[in-house]
């Protein structure tokens, strides 16, 4: 499609407990804290409006802290979690972004889980 926005997502995980680096897959044990980071970029040629990013948390995990929006966002974008996600939450997490993500702009969202 010509002249369109194209949202590209890249996901990493790092084992915070072990001090590992960001990788695409990880080894962990019960009690470990993992941080998932999702990088988003508009690789298209036009702005994207109303972006929503969601992720399913792995089985046997729960949020280890309250889900927040990133402190740094592309200009003209606002963020809010799709709902209230507190420590102990189990399931899918999501962030909603208002405004426009311009071509070439991007950012990151992240969350931490604890393995049961």
Protein backbone atom coordinates (compact mmCIF):
# COMPACT_ATOMS: atom_id res chain seq x y z
CA UNK A 1 0.00 0.00 0.00
CA UNK A 2 1.41 3.37 -1.01
CA UNK A 3 1.62 6.28 1.42
CA UNK A 4 0.63 4.51 4.60
CA UNK A 5 1.78 4.15 8.17
CA UNK A 6 3.47 0.91 9.14
CA UNK A 7 3.78 0.03 12.83
CA UNK A 8 6.79 -2.21 13.52
CA UNK A 9 7.11 -3.88 16.94
CA UNK A 10 10.21 -5.53 18.43
CA UNK A 11 10.08 -7.34 21.78
CA UNK A 12 12.93 -8.17 24.17
CA UNK A 13 13.13 -9.77 27.58
CA UNK A 14 15.80 -9.43 30.25
CA UNK A 15 16.16 -11.31 33.52
CA UNK A 16 16.48 -8.50 36.08
CA UNK A 17 17.19 -10.93 38.92
CA UNK A 18 20.22 -12.40 37.13
CA UNK A 19 21.33 -9.12 35.53
CA UNK A 20 21.06 -10.52 32.00
CA UNK A 21 21.05 -8.39 28.85
CA UNK A 22 18.04 -7.90 26.54
CA UNK A 23 17.41 -10.95 24.34
CA UNK A 24 14.47 -12.38 22.39
CA UNK A 25 14.10 -15.44 24.68
CA UNK A 26 15.26 -16.13 28.21
CA UNK A 27 15.74 -18.77 30.90
CA UNK A 28 14.29 -18.09 34.33
CA UNK A 29 13.29 -19.75 37.58
CA UNK A 30 10.43 -19.22 40.06
CA UNK A 31 10.89 -15.93 41.88
CA UNK A 32 12.89 -14.29 39.07
CA UNK A 33 11.85 -10.84 37.84
CA UNK A 34 11.76 -10.42 34.06
CA UNK A 35 11.36 -7.15 32.19
CA UNK A 36 9.66 -7.20 28.79
CA UNK A 37 10.33 -4.23 26.51
CA UNK A 38 8.39 -3.56 23.31
CA UNK A 39 9.91 -1.04 20.91
CA UNK A 40 7.51 0.53 18.40
CA UNK A 41 8.34 2.49 15.25
CA UNK A 42 6.37 3.97 12.39
CA UNK A 43 8.31 2.60 9.41
CA UNK A 44 5.72 3.96 6.97
CA UNK A 45 5.36 7.20 5.08
CA UNK A 46 2.32 8.72 6.84
CA UNK A 47 1.42 9.29 10.51
CA UNK A 48 -0.41 6.62 12.53
CA UNK A 49 -3.20 7.77 14.86
CA UNK A 50 -4.50 6.10 18.01
CA UNK A 51 -1.86 3.40 18.53
CA UNK A 52 -2.60 0.58 20.98
CA UNK A 53 0.07 -1.90 22.02
CA UNK A 54 -0.86 -5.03 23.95
CA UNK A 55 1.02 -8.08 25.15
CA UNK A 56 0.00 -11.36 26.74
CA UNK A 57 1.93 -12.07 29.92
CA UNK A 58 3.48 -15.56 30.06
CA UNK A 59 1.71 -18.32 32.00
CA UNK A 60 2.63 -18.64 35.68
CA UNK A 61 3.59 -14.97 36.00
CA UNK A 62 2.13 -11.82 37.55
CA UNK A 63 3.05 -8.14 37.32
CA UNK A 64 5.73 -7.35 39.88
CA UNK A 65 4.90 -3.62 39.87
CA UNK A 66 2.22 -1.22 38.62
CA UNK A 67 2.16 -0.78 34.84
CA UNK A 68 3.08 2.74 33.73
CA UNK A 69 3.44 4.69 30.53
CA UNK A 70 6.93 5.55 29.30
CA UNK A 71 8.39 8.81 30.59
CA UNK A 72 9.66 9.74 27.12
CA UNK A 73 7.23 9.73 24.19
CA UNK A 74 7.38 10.89 20.59
CA UNK A 75 6.18 14.48 20.32
CA UNK A 76 2.43 14.96 19.99
CA UNK A 77 1.67 11.55 21.57
CA UNK A 78 -0.04 10.92 24.90
CA UNK A 79 -0.17 7.57 26.69
CA UNK A 80 -2.45 5.86 29.17
CA UNK A 81 -2.60 2.24 30.28
CA UNK A 82 -5.74 0.64 28.81
CA UNK A 83 -6.90 -0.01 32.41
CA UNK A 84 -5.46 -0.11 35.92
CA UNK A 85 -2.73 -2.77 36.13
CA UNK A 86 -1.37 -3.17 39.66
CA UNK A 87 1.26 -5.55 41.04
CA UNK A 88 -0.15 -9.07 41.11
CA UNK A 89 -2.23 -8.63 37.92
CA UNK A 90 -2.34 -11.68 35.62
CA UNK A 91 -3.29 -11.53 31.92
CA UNK A 92 -2.85 -9.16 29.00
CA UNK A 93 -1.38 -5.66 29.41
CA UNK A 94 -2.05 -2.76 27.03
CA UNK A 95 -1.15 0.88 26.46
CA UNK A 96 -3.20 3.37 24.43
CA UNK A 97 -1.57 6.29 22.66
CA UNK A 98 -3.43 9.38 21.49
CA UNK A 99 -2.08 11.80 18.94
CA UNK A 100 0.04 10.83 15.96
CA UNK A 101 3.12 8.69 15.54
CA UNK A 102 4.95 10.33 12.65
CA UNK A 103 7.06 8.46 10.09
CA UNK A 104 10.41 7.49 11.60
CA UNK A 105 9.30 8.14 15.18
CA UNK A 106 9.15 5.46 17.83
CA UNK A 107 9.33 4.64 21.50
CA UNK A 108 9.25 1.84 24.06
CA UNK A 109 6.89 0.41 26.64
CA UNK A 110 7.93 -2.09 29.27
CA UNK A 111 6.61 -4.12 32.16
CA UNK A 112 8.03 -6.40 34.84
CA UNK A 113 6.70 -9.77 35.89
CA UNK A 114 7.56 -12.22 38.62
CA UNK A 115 7.62 -15.93 37.87
CA UNK A 116 5.44 -17.96 40.24
